[in-house]
């Protein structure tokens, strides 16, 4: 059995509001693992306590699966129908509904290229829930623009601090700057790095309420989010916007 809300939360973290629809679910030792993404933006999401046999199944249409789950309530019983080694149907049952979702062959879903950490991170931040909420608010206030610049600067006391600057990239346009303290290498000063603010917002929205959150940034143009909770762990790599 698995709680509906927990399963929906897991799905939202890789689906990212429609970005990654076709994925493989890998079930290993009661852990459900999904790798999803494309060049420059990938994620790995892990759900603990997922009580199904070790399998790799193809979820070709996450949107359709989410619509099926939306009508259920409470705890769900999940079972697989298989022909040989290939599972072709995911059965979902609650107290009132019995639902069937057709699975695809995992081989038709492209592999996701994974990334390795650089040797050093020039910026390492622990994000509080307030930080996450404020970053989402900043993006929403300038929702017409997809520009986000991340840079290191110094405060009035000479301490290194990160700045997340939302806007359209013009020096003369509306902007919102949000500052977060953390571990920052002075070599990163005056090296602003652009990212897609829409993607940042989708990641933060999907992971609101997680117990712990970290953000890391490399001068090589790679950012990394890590979110940790009792049941779900999420990791995202994002390349700078060219």
Protein backbone atom coordinates (compact mmCIF):
# COMPACT_ATOMS: atom_id res chain seq x y z
CA UNK A 1 0.00 0.00 0.00
CA UNK A 2 1.08 3.56 -0.67
CA UNK A 3 -0.58 6.85 0.17
CA UNK A 4 -2.06 8.64 -2.83
CA UNK A 5 -0.66 12.05 -1.84
CA UNK A 6 2.84 10.63 -1.42
CA UNK A 7 2.74 9.00 -4.86
CA UNK A 8 1.42 12.20 -6.45
CA UNK A 9 4.18 14.18 -4.75
CA UNK A 10 6.79 11.79 -6.13
CA UNK A 11 5.40 12.08 -9.66
CA UNK A 12 5.25 15.88 -9.53
CA UNK A 13 8.96 16.05 -8.76
CA UNK A 14 10.01 14.48 -12.06
CA UNK A 15 7.00 15.51 -14.18
CA UNK A 16 7.67 19.21 -13.44
CA UNK A 17 4.38 20.49 -14.80
CA UNK A 18 4.64 18.54 -18.03
CA UNK A 19 8.35 18.78 -18.84
CA UNK A 20 9.13 15.07 -18.55
CA UNK A 21 6.17 12.89 -19.49
CA UNK A 22 7.70 9.55 -20.57
CA UNK A 23 9.95 7.85 -18.00
CA UNK A 24 11.05 4.47 -16.69
CA UNK A 25 10.11 3.49 -13.17
CA UNK A 26 12.89 1.37 -11.65
CA UNK A 27 11.86 -0.61 -8.57
CA UNK A 28 14.80 -1.89 -6.54
CA UNK A 29 14.60 -3.21 -2.96
CA UNK A 30 11.32 -1.39 -2.22
CA UNK A 31 12.65 1.88 -3.64
CA UNK A 32 11.13 3.50 -6.72
CA UNK A 33 13.70 5.43 -8.78
CA UNK A 34 13.13 7.67 -11.79
CA UNK A 35 15.73 9.38 -13.95
CA UNK A 36 14.25 12.03 -16.23
CA UNK A 37 15.44 14.89 -18.36
CA UNK A 38 17.23 16.04 -21.45
CA UNK A 39 20.50 17.77 -22.24
CA UNK A 40 21.25 20.41 -19.62
CA UNK A 41 18.41 19.51 -17.25
CA UNK A 42 18.08 16.13 -15.56
CA UNK A 43 16.71 14.77 -12.30
CA UNK A 44 16.76 11.67 -10.15
CA UNK A 45 13.82 11.08 -7.80
CA UNK A 46 13.72 8.28 -5.21
CA UNK A 47 10.68 7.10 -3.25
CA UNK A 48 11.33 4.81 -0.27
CA UNK A 49 8.92 2.15 0.94
CA UNK A 50 7.50 1.32 -2.50
CA UNK A 51 6.22 -2.22 -2.05
CA UNK A 52 6.36 -3.78 -5.52
CA UNK A 53 8.58 -6.49 -6.96
CA UNK A 54 11.89 -5.43 -8.50
CA UNK A 55 11.01 -4.35 -12.03
CA UNK A 56 11.59 -1.74 -14.69
CA UNK A 57 8.31 -0.47 -16.13
CA UNK A 58 7.54 2.06 -18.83
CA UNK A 59 5.37 5.06 -17.95
CA UNK A 60 4.83 6.53 -21.41
CA UNK A 61 2.21 9.11 -20.40
CA UNK A 62 2.64 10.51 -16.89
CA UNK A 63 -0.12 13.05 -17.54
CA UNK A 64 -2.68 10.27 -18.07
CA UNK A 65 -1.47 8.40 -15.00
CA UNK A 66 -1.81 11.56 -12.91
CA UNK A 67 -5.41 12.00 -14.09
CA UNK A 68 -6.21 8.45 -13.00
CA UNK A 69 -4.63 8.98 -9.59
CA UNK A 70 -6.55 12.23 -9.08
CA UNK A 71 -9.87 10.42 -8.57
CA UNK A 72 -8.53 8.08 -5.87
CA UNK A 73 -8.36 8.67 -2.13
CA UNK A 74 -6.34 7.43 0.83
CA UNK A 75 -4.06 4.42 0.57
CA UNK A 76 -3.62 2.67 -2.76
CA UNK A 77 -2.90 -0.96 -3.59
CA UNK A 78 -0.64 -1.25 -6.65
CA UNK A 79 -0.15 -4.48 -8.59
CA UNK A 80 1.38 -5.39 -11.96
CA UNK A 81 0.11 -7.60 -14.76
CA UNK A 82 2.97 -9.15 -16.67
CA UNK A 83 3.63 -11.36 -19.66
CA UNK A 84 6.97 -12.98 -19.04
CA UNK A 85 9.52 -10.38 -18.00
CA UNK A 86 7.50 -7.49 -19.46
CA UNK A 87 4.86 -5.76 -17.32
CA UNK A 88 2.01 -4.40 -19.43
CA UNK A 89 -0.45 -3.04 -16.90
CA UNK A 90 -0.37 -1.17 -13.58
CA UNK A 91 -3.46 -1.79 -11.45
CA UNK A 92 -4.46 0.83 -8.88
CA UNK A 93 -7.14 0.22 -6.26
CA UNK A 94 -8.55 2.22 -3.37
CA UNK A 95 -11.71 1.59 -1.31
CA UNK A 96 -13.98 2.57 -4.21
CA UNK A 97 -12.08 2.36 -7.49
CA UNK A 98 -10.22 -0.26 -9.48
CA UNK A 99 -8.11 1.42 -12.18
CA UNK A 100 -5.87 0.04 -14.91
CA UNK A 101 -3.04 1.94 -16.57
CA UNK A 102 -1.38 0.50 -19.69
CA UNK A 103 2.40 0.32 -19.50
CA UNK A 104 4.80 0.63 -22.41
CA UNK A 105 7.92 -1.35 -23.14
CA UNK A 106 10.73 0.38 -21.18
CA UNK A 107 12.98 0.01 -24.23
CA UNK A 108 10.94 2.60 -26.18
CA UNK A 109 11.70 5.29 -23.58
CA UNK A 110 15.07 7.00 -24.23
CA UNK A 111 17.79 6.77 -21.61
CA UNK A 112 18.54 9.85 -19.55
CA UNK A 113 22.13 11.08 -19.57
CA UNK A 114 23.32 11.60 -16.00
CA UNK A 115 25.85 14.18 -14.80
CA UNK A 116 28.77 14.04 -12.41
CA UNK A 117 29.65 16.69 -9.86
CA UNK A 118 32.48 19.05 -10.80
CA UNK A 119 35.60 18.98 -8.67
CA UNK A 120 34.47 22.08 -6.76
CA UNK A 121 31.31 24.07 -6.19
CA UNK A 122 31.90 27.82 -6.04
CA UNK A 123 28.59 28.39 -4.26
CA UNK A 124 26.87 26.12 -1.72
CA UNK A 125 23.64 27.24 -0.05
CA UNK A 126 21.20 25.62 2.35
CA UNK A 127 17.72 26.80 1.40
CA UNK A 128 15.12 27.36 4.10
CA UNK A 129 11.42 27.06 3.36
CA UNK A 130 11.30 30.87 3.53
CA UNK A 131 14.01 31.05 0.85
CA UNK A 132 12.03 28.69 -1.38
CA UNK A 133 8.80 30.64 -0.88
CA UNK A 134 10.51 33.96 -1.59
CA UNK A 135 12.23 32.71 -4.75
CA UNK A 136 8.86 31.50 -6.05
CA UNK A 137 7.26 34.85 -5.16
CA UNK A 138 10.01 36.74 -6.98
CA UNK A 139 9.48 34.68 -10.13
CA UNK A 140 5.69 35.07 -9.93
CA UNK A 141 6.01 38.86 -9.60
CA UNK A 142 7.92 38.92 -12.91
CA UNK A 143 6.19 35.97 -14.56
CA UNK A 144 6.52 37.42 -18.08
CA UNK A 145 10.32 37.07 -17.97
CA UNK A 146 12.31 33.84 -17.97
CA UNK A 147 15.60 35.48 -16.98
CA UNK A 148 17.38 34.55 -13.74
CA UNK A 149 20.92 35.68 -13.02
CA UNK A 150 22.81 34.12 -10.11
CA UNK A 151 25.93 35.82 -8.86
CA UNK A 152 28.15 36.40 -5.84
CA UNK A 153 28.62 39.82 -4.34
CA UNK A 154 29.59 41.40 -1.01
CA UNK A 155 27.28 42.95 1.55
CA UNK A 156 28.01 46.23 3.33
CA UNK A 157 30.21 44.39 5.84
CA UNK A 158 32.31 42.83 3.10
CA UNK A 159 30.85 39.32 3.51
CA UNK A 160 30.28 37.18 0.42
CA UNK A 161 26.60 36.65 -0.38
CA UNK A 162 24.60 35.16 -3.25
CA UNK A 163 22.12 37.13 -5.32
CA UNK A 164 19.25 35.68 -7.35
CA UNK A 165 18.22 38.40 -9.81
CA UNK A 166 14.90 37.99 -11.64
CA UNK A 167 13.92 40.12 -14.64
CA UNK A 168 14.40 40.29 -18.41
CA UNK A 169 18.17 40.75 -18.44
CA UNK A 170 18.14 44.45 -19.31
CA UNK A 171 19.96 46.90 -17.08
CA UNK A 172 17.02 49.29 -17.35
CA UNK A 173 14.10 46.96 -16.73
CA UNK A 174 12.20 45.81 -13.66
CA UNK A 175 14.20 43.49 -11.43
CA UNK A 176 13.88 41.63 -8.16
CA UNK A 177 17.00 40.59 -6.23
CA UNK A 178 16.87 38.02 -3.45
CA UNK A 179 19.94 37.38 -1.29
CA UNK A 180 20.97 34.18 0.49
CA UNK A 181 24.03 33.59 2.65
CA UNK A 182 26.12 30.44 2.33
CA UNK A 183 29.55 29.11 1.44
CA UNK A 184 30.85 31.10 -1.53
CA UNK A 185 34.28 31.09 -3.17
CA UNK A 186 35.65 34.59 -3.75
CA UNK A 187 36.79 33.52 -7.22
CA UNK A 188 33.11 33.52 -8.20
CA UNK A 189 32.75 37.29 -7.62
CA UNK A 190 31.63 39.24 -10.70
CA UNK A 191 30.76 36.08 -12.63
CA UNK A 192 26.98 36.30 -13.10
CA UNK A 193 25.42 33.14 -14.51
CA UNK A 194 22.05 33.04 -16.35
CA UNK A 195 19.45 30.29 -15.86
CA UNK A 196 15.87 29.58 -16.91
CA UNK A 197 13.72 31.01 -14.11
CA UNK A 198 10.68 28.97 -15.23
CA UNK A 199 12.56 25.73 -14.62
CA UNK A 200 13.79 26.95 -11.23
CA UNK A 201 10.23 27.79 -10.21
CA UNK A 202 8.90 24.38 -11.30
CA UNK A 203 11.61 22.58 -9.30
CA UNK A 204 11.00 24.69 -6.20
CA UNK A 205 7.21 24.33 -6.45
CA UNK A 206 7.46 20.55 -6.78
CA UNK A 207 9.70 20.31 -3.70
CA UNK A 208 8.03 22.71 -1.29
CA UNK A 209 7.76 21.20 2.15
CA UNK A 210 10.80 18.92 1.87
CA UNK A 211 12.77 18.65 5.11
CA UNK A 212 16.13 19.83 3.74
CA UNK A 213 17.13 21.70 0.57
CA UNK A 214 20.54 22.58 -0.89
CA UNK A 215 21.61 24.58 -3.92
CA UNK A 216 25.10 24.36 -5.44
CA UNK A 217 26.65 26.28 -8.32
CA UNK A 218 29.84 25.70 -10.29
CA UNK A 219 31.75 28.25 -12.30
CA UNK A 220 31.64 25.70 -15.14
CA UNK A 221 27.96 26.55 -15.60
CA UNK A 222 26.28 23.72 -13.68
CA UNK A 223 23.75 24.11 -10.86
CA UNK A 224 22.51 21.38 -8.56
CA UNK A 225 19.45 21.13 -6.31
CA UNK A 226 19.18 18.50 -3.57
CA UNK A 227 15.96 17.96 -1.59
CA UNK A 228 15.68 15.41 1.22
CA UNK A 229 12.75 14.10 3.27
CA UNK A 230 11.85 10.88 5.07
CA UNK A 231 10.17 9.33 2.02
CA UNK A 232 11.49 11.14 -1.08
CA UNK A 233 14.91 12.36 -2.20
CA UNK A 234 15.23 14.61 -5.27
CA UNK A 235 18.33 15.67 -7.19
CA UNK A 236 18.45 18.04 -10.19
CA UNK A 237 21.29 19.15 -12.44
CA UNK A 238 20.71 22.28 -14.55
CA UNK A 239 23.00 23.81 -17.13
CA UNK A 240 23.33 27.55 -17.53
CA UNK A 241 21.17 29.26 -20.13
CA UNK A 242 23.08 30.04 -23.31
